[in-house]
Amino acid sequence: MKTRLGLIDYGMGNLHSVQKAFERLNSSLQLVRHPDELDHCDALILPGVGAFDPAMAHLEQTELVPDLKRWVQGDKPLLGICLGLQLLFESSDEGLSAGLGLLKGHVQRLPTNQGERIPHMGWAPLQQQNDCPLLEQGDPGSWMYFVHSYAAIPSDASNLAATAAYGQTNVTAMVWQGRLGACQFHPEKSAKAGQRMLKRWLQWLETGAKILS
């Protein structure tokens, strides 16, 4: 049976672009706005565009937060995108709200002494740091599209799947833990490289996700 995909709609995600990207891969997404709609999903996508505190407030209003925590703690697959990655962490320099706390660590504003503009906007190649089913071994570096002013700092270095250059430093581009993963960049806006990554996620859901411990 094909994996049933849920796209969390809390009013702050670029839903149309994500939906179109999966349509190109012959996969449809079911919008999830209420906890009872999770029963019809096997895997979830948490998108996000905007600021940390309003995003958490909107997410709280859906009453999905406790269920999302149980979802990940129950070892079910979830993929975060852009702000959706940052919300997985405990806190952010951008606001006062607590994050979901599904990954240990903090989200920091990008450094201002790197000779780069904030927000960081444009294309950058990924630099793999740890094993991740969405990254191909030996890949020379897929270029992905970024738009962000903050970046996560995982407490556990093993959660850092990939980085990207920002001036003279590197920032978190991907995180991975168990069946929980997230991208700071927008795979749905990253042309063929992003499409390949989303396709790998779908393939992993059909195979590796079912046996990964």
C-alpha atoms as a PDB file:
ATOM      1  CA  MET A   1       0.000   0.000   0.000  1.00  0.00           C
ATOM      2  CA  LYS A   2       1.297   3.443  -0.918  1.00  0.00           C
ATOM      3  CA  THR A   3       2.479   5.651   1.943  1.00  0.00           C
ATOM      4  CA  ARG A   4      -0.157   8.218   2.940  1.00  0.00           C
ATOM      5  CA  LEU A   5       1.457  11.649   3.265  1.00  0.00           C
ATOM      6  CA  GLY A   6       0.154  14.452   5.444  1.00  0.00           C
ATOM      7  CA  LEU A   7       1.093  18.121   4.968  1.00  0.00           C
ATOM      8  CA  ILE A   8       0.629  20.116   8.170  1.00  0.00           C
ATOM      9  CA  ASP A   9      -1.345  23.290   7.471  1.00  0.00           C
ATOM     10  CA  TYR A  10      -1.050  25.806  10.311  1.00  0.00           C
ATOM     11  CA  GLY A  11      -1.216  28.931   8.180  1.00  0.00           C
ATOM     12  CA  MET A  12       2.527  29.563   7.828  1.00  0.00           C
ATOM     13  CA  GLY A  13       3.788  27.165   5.205  1.00  0.00           C
ATOM     14  CA  ASN A  14       4.369  27.355   1.476  1.00  0.00           C
ATOM     15  CA  LEU A  15       1.841  24.604   0.868  1.00  0.00           C
ATOM     16  CA  HIS A  16       1.286  25.118  -2.855  1.00  0.00           C
ATOM     17  CA  SER A  17       4.958  24.709  -3.812  1.00  0.00           C
ATOM     18  CA  VAL A  18       5.316  21.621  -1.635  1.00  0.00           C
ATOM     19  CA  GLN A  19       2.177  20.061  -3.076  1.00  0.00           C
ATOM     20  CA  LYS A  20       3.291  20.733  -6.664  1.00  0.00           C
ATOM     21  CA  ALA A  21       6.705  19.211  -5.974  1.00  0.00           C
ATOM     22  CA  PHE A  22       5.132  15.968  -4.772  1.00  0.00           C
ATOM     23  CA  GLU A  23       2.642  15.961  -7.636  1.00  0.00           C
ATOM     24  CA  ARG A  24       5.625  15.889  -9.994  1.00  0.00           C
ATOM     25  CA  LEU A  25       6.658  12.708  -8.174  1.00  0.00           C
ATOM     26  CA  ASN A  26       3.155  11.236  -8.580  1.00  0.00           C
ATOM     27  CA  SER A  27       2.409  11.581  -4.876  1.00  0.00           C
ATOM     28  CA  SER A  28      -0.476  13.475  -3.330  1.00  0.00           C
ATOM     29  CA  LEU A  29      -0.499  15.202   0.049  1.00  0.00           C
ATOM     30  CA  GLN A  30      -3.410  15.376   2.469  1.00  0.00           C
ATOM     31  CA  LEU A  31      -3.676  18.650   4.364  1.00  0.00           C
ATOM     32  CA  VAL A  32      -3.631  18.152   8.136  1.00  0.00           C
ATOM     33  CA  ARG A  33      -5.276  20.905  10.194  1.00  0.00           C
ATOM     34  CA  HIS A  34      -6.673  18.939  13.153  1.00  0.00           C
ATOM     35  CA  PRO A  35      -5.428  16.037  15.293  1.00  0.00           C
ATOM     36  CA  ASP A  36      -8.066  13.599  14.048  1.00  0.00           C
ATOM     37  CA  GLU A  37      -6.686  13.915  10.505  1.00  0.00           C
ATOM     38  CA  LEU A  38      -3.425  12.286  11.586  1.00  0.00           C
ATOM     39  CA  ASP A  39      -5.158   8.909  11.651  1.00  0.00           C
ATOM     40  CA  HIS A  40      -5.101   8.890   7.849  1.00  0.00           C
ATOM     41  CA  CYS A  41      -1.343   9.531   7.541  1.00  0.00           C
ATOM     42  CA  ASP A  42       1.763   7.366   7.579  1.00  0.00           C
ATOM     43  CA  ALA A  43       4.290  10.214   7.282  1.00  0.00           C
ATOM     44  CA  LEU A  44       4.141  13.966   7.851  1.00  0.00           C
ATOM     45  CA  ILE A  45       5.689  17.097   6.367  1.00  0.00           C
ATOM     46  CA  LEU A  46       6.063  20.216   8.539  1.00  0.00           C
ATOM     47  CA  PRO A  47       6.681  23.250   6.299  1.00  0.00           C
ATOM     48  CA  GLY A  48       7.200  26.800   7.477  1.00  0.00           C
ATOM     49  CA  VAL A  49       7.732  30.358   6.247  1.00  0.00           C
ATOM     50  CA  GLY A  50       7.982  33.359   8.579  1.00  0.00           C
ATOM     51  CA  ALA A  51       8.978  33.936  12.198  1.00  0.00           C
ATOM     52  CA  PHE A  52       9.422  31.450  15.049  1.00  0.00           C
ATOM     53  CA  ASP A  53       6.980  32.833  17.662  1.00  0.00           C
ATOM     54  CA  PRO A  54       3.998  33.360  15.303  1.00  0.00           C
ATOM     55  CA  ALA A  55       4.609  29.906  13.836  1.00  0.00           C
ATOM     56  CA  MET A  56       4.494  28.249  17.257  1.00  0.00           C
ATOM     57  CA  ALA A  57       1.366  30.268  18.143  1.00  0.00           C
ATOM     58  CA  HIS A  58      -0.383  29.157  14.950  1.00  0.00           C
ATOM     59  CA  LEU A  59       0.705  25.574  15.521  1.00  0.00           C
ATOM     60  CA  GLU A  60      -0.637  25.658  19.077  1.00  0.00           C
ATOM     61  CA  GLN A  61      -3.993  26.888  17.769  1.00  0.00           C
ATOM     62  CA  THR A  62      -4.366  23.747  15.656  1.00  0.00           C
ATOM     63  CA  GLU A  63      -4.016  21.645  18.850  1.00  0.00           C
ATOM     64  CA  LEU A  64      -1.556  19.492  16.923  1.00  0.00           C
ATOM     65  CA  VAL A  65       1.493  20.108  19.123  1.00  0.00           C
ATOM     66  CA  PRO A  66       0.969  17.225  21.618  1.00  0.00           C
ATOM     67  CA  ASP A  67       0.150  14.882  18.743  1.00  0.00           C
ATOM     68  CA  LEU A  68       3.240  15.894  16.771  1.00  0.00           C
ATOM     69  CA  LYS A  69       5.384  15.179  19.803  1.00  0.00           C
ATOM     70  CA  ARG A  70       3.747  11.772  20.243  1.00  0.00           C
ATOM     71  CA  TRP A  71       4.135  11.141  16.517  1.00  0.00           C
ATOM     72  CA  VAL A  72       7.912  11.607  16.592  1.00  0.00           C
ATOM     73  CA  GLN A  73       8.334   9.933  19.969  1.00  0.00           C
ATOM     74  CA  GLY A  74       6.413   6.992  18.486  1.00  0.00           C
ATOM     75  CA  ASP A  75       9.111   6.739  15.794  1.00  0.00           C
ATOM     76  CA  LYS A  76       6.883   7.805  12.906  1.00  0.00           C
ATOM     77  CA  PRO A  77       8.413   9.655   9.913  1.00  0.00           C
ATOM     78  CA  LEU A  78       8.343  13.452   9.772  1.00  0.00           C
ATOM     79  CA  LEU A  79      10.152  15.810   7.384  1.00  0.00           C
ATOM     80  CA  GLY A  80      10.581  19.487   8.307  1.00  0.00           C
ATOM     81  CA  ILE A  81      11.236  22.201   5.727  1.00  0.00           C
ATOM     82  CA  CYS A  82      12.858  25.624   6.379  1.00  0.00           C
ATOM     83  CA  LEU A  83      11.123  27.115   9.454  1.00  0.00           C
ATOM     84  CA  GLY A  84       9.751  23.602   9.963  1.00  0.00           C
ATOM     85  CA  LEU A  85      13.313  22.529  10.803  1.00  0.00           C
ATOM     86  CA  GLN A  86      13.770  25.328  13.346  1.00  0.00           C
ATOM     87  CA  LEU A  87      10.498  24.537  15.116  1.00  0.00           C
ATOM     88  CA  LEU A  88      11.808  21.062  15.920  1.00  0.00           C
ATOM     89  CA  PHE A  89      14.381  22.534  18.309  1.00  0.00           C
ATOM     90  CA  GLU A  90      13.997  23.741  21.885  1.00  0.00           C
ATOM     91  CA  SER A  91      14.231  27.507  21.370  1.00  0.00           C
ATOM     92  CA  SER A  92      15.253  30.304  19.014  1.00  0.00           C
ATOM     93  CA  ASP A  93      16.966  33.694  19.156  1.00  0.00           C
ATOM     94  CA  GLU A  94      14.063  34.920  17.032  1.00  0.00           C
ATOM     95  CA  GLY A  95      11.511  34.784  19.833  1.00  0.00           C
ATOM     96  CA  LEU A  96      10.527  33.787  23.339  1.00  0.00           C
ATOM     97  CA  SER A  97       8.357  30.747  22.606  1.00  0.00           C
ATOM     98  CA  ALA A  98       9.543  27.240  23.312  1.00  0.00           C
ATOM     99  CA  GLY A  99       9.915  25.078  20.237  1.00  0.00           C
ATOM    100  CA  LEU A 100       8.677  21.523  19.867  1.00  0.00           C
ATOM    101  CA  GLY A 101      11.827  20.227  21.582  1.00  0.00           C
ATOM    102  CA  LEU A 102      11.988  17.127  19.406  1.00  0.00           C
ATOM    103  CA  LEU A 103      15.664  17.817  18.784  1.00  0.00           C
ATOM    104  CA  LYS A 104      18.030  19.144  21.437  1.00  0.00           C
ATOM    105  CA  GLY A 105      19.570  22.484  20.575  1.00  0.00           C
ATOM    106  CA  HIS A 106      18.937  26.148  19.862  1.00  0.00           C
ATOM    107  CA  VAL A 107      18.296  28.263  16.770  1.00  0.00           C
ATOM    108  CA  GLN A 108      20.653  31.234  16.399  1.00  0.00           C
ATOM    109  CA  ARG A 109      20.648  34.298  14.171  1.00  0.00           C
ATOM    110  CA  LEU A 110      23.159  34.066  11.345  1.00  0.00           C
ATOM    111  CA  PRO A 111      26.437  35.824  12.170  1.00  0.00           C
ATOM    112  CA  THR A 112      26.820  39.376  10.876  1.00  0.00           C
ATOM    113  CA  ASN A 113      30.617  39.301  10.447  1.00  0.00           C
ATOM    114  CA  GLN A 114      30.749  36.977   7.449  1.00  0.00           C
ATOM    115  CA  GLY A 115      30.503  39.524   4.655  1.00  0.00           C
ATOM    116  CA  GLU A 116      27.132  38.063   3.701  1.00  0.00           C
ATOM    117  CA  ARG A 117      23.681  39.596   3.592  1.00  0.00           C
ATOM    118  CA  ILE A 118      20.926  38.567   5.974  1.00  0.00           C
ATOM    119  CA  PRO A 119      18.700  36.871   5.066  1.00  0.00           C
ATOM    120  CA  HIS A 120      20.893  34.277   3.430  1.00  0.00           C
ATOM    121  CA  MET A 121      19.129  33.933   0.096  1.00  0.00           C
ATOM    122  CA  GLY A 122      20.281  31.868  -2.853  1.00  0.00           C
ATOM    123  CA  TRP A 123      21.895  28.605  -3.849  1.00  0.00           C
ATOM    124  CA  ALA A 124      24.554  26.700  -1.931  1.00  0.00           C
ATOM    125  CA  PRO A 125      25.977  23.155  -2.141  1.00  0.00           C
ATOM    126  CA  LEU A 126      25.406  20.704   0.679  1.00  0.00           C
ATOM    127  CA  GLN A 127      28.363  19.331   2.625  1.00  0.00           C
ATOM    128  CA  GLN A 128      27.489  15.965   4.145  1.00  0.00           C
ATOM    129  CA  GLN A 129      28.479  15.512   7.804  1.00  0.00           C
ATOM    130  CA  ASN A 130      26.755  12.293   8.874  1.00  0.00           C
ATOM    131  CA  ASP A 131      24.838   9.446   7.273  1.00  0.00           C
ATOM    132  CA  CYS A 132      21.349  10.360   6.117  1.00  0.00           C
ATOM    133  CA  PRO A 133      19.040   8.391   3.799  1.00  0.00           C
ATOM    134  CA  LEU A 134      18.284  11.546   1.800  1.00  0.00           C
ATOM    135  CA  LEU A 135      21.945  12.068   0.871  1.00  0.00           C
ATOM    136  CA  GLU A 136      23.753   9.865  -1.601  1.00  0.00           C
ATOM    137  CA  GLN A 137      27.187   8.635  -0.619  1.00  0.00           C
ATOM    138  CA  GLY A 138      29.853  10.214  -2.787  1.00  0.00           C
ATOM    139  CA  ASP A 139      27.533  12.963  -3.995  1.00  0.00           C
ATOM    140  CA  PRO A 140      29.795  15.881  -5.027  1.00  0.00           C
ATOM    141  CA  GLY A 141      27.367  18.306  -3.411  1.00  0.00           C
ATOM    142  CA  SER A 142      23.812  19.060  -4.412  1.00  0.00           C
ATOM    143  CA  TRP A 143      23.012  22.759  -4.750  1.00  0.00           C
ATOM    144  CA  MET A 144      19.896  23.765  -2.828  1.00  0.00           C
ATOM    145  CA  TYR A 145      17.931  26.990  -2.498  1.00  0.00           C
ATOM    146  CA  PHE A 146      18.061  28.776   0.875  1.00  0.00           C
ATOM    147  CA  VAL A 147      16.065  31.684   2.326  1.00  0.00           C
ATOM    148  CA  HIS A 148      16.704  32.164   6.055  1.00  0.00           C
ATOM    149  CA  SER A 149      18.075  34.485   8.731  1.00  0.00           C
ATOM    150  CA  TYR A 150      18.497  31.875  11.480  1.00  0.00           C
ATOM    151  CA  ALA A 151      20.153  28.473  11.678  1.00  0.00           C
ATOM    152  CA  ALA A 152      19.887  25.609  14.157  1.00  0.00           C
ATOM    153  CA  ILE A 153      22.744  24.488  16.391  1.00  0.00           C
ATOM    154  CA  PRO A 154      22.092  20.833  17.315  1.00  0.00           C
ATOM    155  CA  SER A 155      23.367  19.815  20.749  1.00  0.00           C
ATOM    156  CA  ASP A 156      24.105  16.326  19.438  1.00  0.00           C
ATOM    157  CA  ALA A 157      26.628  16.485  16.584  1.00  0.00           C
ATOM    158  CA  SER A 158      25.348  13.161  15.254  1.00  0.00           C
ATOM    159  CA  ASN A 159      22.055  14.893  14.345  1.00  0.00           C
ATOM    160  CA  LEU A 160      23.860  17.160  11.879  1.00  0.00           C
ATOM    161  CA  ALA A 161      23.403  15.556   8.454  1.00  0.00           C
ATOM    162  CA  ALA A 162      24.703  18.378   6.244  1.00  0.00           C
ATOM    163  CA  THR A 163      25.985  21.935   6.355  1.00  0.00           C
ATOM    164  CA  ALA A 164      26.209  24.765   3.837  1.00  0.00           C
ATOM    165  CA  ALA A 165      28.744  27.563   3.560  1.00  0.00           C
ATOM    166  CA  TYR A 166      27.768  31.015   4.778  1.00  0.00           C
ATOM    167  CA  GLY A 167      30.673  33.398   4.365  1.00  0.00           C
ATOM    168  CA  GLN A 168      33.672  31.909   6.149  1.00  0.00           C
ATOM    169  CA  THR A 169      31.600  29.595   8.328  1.00  0.00           C
ATOM    170  CA  ASN A 170      29.214  26.678   7.870  1.00  0.00           C
ATOM    171  CA  VAL A 171      25.602  26.548   9.011  1.00  0.00           C
ATOM    172  CA  THR A 172      23.177  23.691   9.540  1.00  0.00           C
ATOM    173  CA  ALA A 173      21.501  22.662   6.301  1.00  0.00           C
ATOM    174  CA  MET A 174      20.007  19.283   7.289  1.00  0.00           C
ATOM    175  CA  VAL A 175      19.341  17.338  10.464  1.00  0.00           C
ATOM    176  CA  TRP A 176      18.430  13.696  10.943  1.00  0.00           C
ATOM    177  CA  GLN A 177      17.546  11.509  13.926  1.00  0.00           C
ATOM    178  CA  GLY A 178      15.809   8.146  13.587  1.00  0.00           C
ATOM    179  CA  ARG A 179      12.804   8.795  11.363  1.00  0.00           C
ATOM    180  CA  LEU A 180      12.847  12.547  11.973  1.00  0.00           C
ATOM    181  CA  GLY A 181      14.589  14.714   9.384  1.00  0.00           C
ATOM    182  CA  ALA A 182      14.530  18.309   8.222  1.00  0.00           C
ATOM    183  CA  CYS A 183      16.011  20.682   5.651  1.00  0.00           C
ATOM    184  CA  GLN A 184      16.818  24.354   6.238  1.00  0.00           C
ATOM    185  CA  PHE A 185      16.655  24.860   2.472  1.00  0.00           C
ATOM    186  CA  HIS A 186      13.613  24.451   0.238  1.00  0.00           C
ATOM    187  CA  PRO A 187      13.852  21.141  -1.667  1.00  0.00           C
ATOM    188  CA  GLU A 188      10.558  21.973  -3.392  1.00  0.00           C
ATOM    189  CA  LYS A 189      12.241  25.065  -4.915  1.00  0.00           C
ATOM    190  CA  SER A 190      15.616  23.469  -5.604  1.00  0.00           C
ATOM    191  CA  ALA A 191      14.981  22.216  -9.143  1.00  0.00           C
ATOM    192  CA  LYS A 192      16.194  18.713 -10.028  1.00  0.00           C
ATOM    193  CA  ALA A 193      18.462  18.367  -6.979  1.00  0.00           C
ATOM    194  CA  GLY A 194      15.558  19.042  -4.642  1.00  0.00           C
ATOM    195  CA  GLN A 195      13.299  16.741  -6.594  1.00  0.00           C
ATOM    196  CA  ARG A 196      15.846  13.922  -6.311  1.00  0.00           C
ATOM    197  CA  MET A 197      15.998  14.431  -2.554  1.00  0.00           C
ATOM    198  CA  LEU A 198      12.220  14.316  -2.145  1.00  0.00           C
ATOM    199  CA  LYS A 199      12.168  11.191  -4.301  1.00  0.00           C
ATOM    200  CA  ARG A 200      14.758   9.579  -2.007  1.00  0.00           C
ATOM    201  CA  TRP A 201      12.549  10.393   0.979  1.00  0.00           C
ATOM    202  CA  LEU A 202       9.582   8.723  -0.699  1.00  0.00           C
ATOM    203  CA  GLN A 203      11.673   5.670  -1.534  1.00  0.00           C
ATOM    204  CA  TRP A 204      12.984   5.518   2.019  1.00  0.00           C
ATOM    205  CA  LEU A 205       9.425   5.665   3.350  1.00  0.00           C
ATOM    206  CA  GLU A 206       8.559   2.630   1.246  1.00  0.00           C
ATOM    207  CA  THR A 207      11.657   0.664   2.259  1.00  0.00           C
ATOM    208  CA  GLY A 208      14.145   1.862   4.865  1.00  0.00           C
ATOM    209  CA  ALA A 209      11.669   3.663   7.112  1.00  0.00           C
ATOM    210  CA  LYS A 210       9.922   0.394   7.795  1.00  0.00           C
ATOM    211  CA  ILE A 211      13.035  -1.356   9.066  1.00  0.00           C
ATOM    212  CA  LEU A 212      15.141   1.440  10.558  1.00  0.00           C
ATOM    213  CA  SER A 213      15.604   0.993  14.293  1.00  0.00           C
END
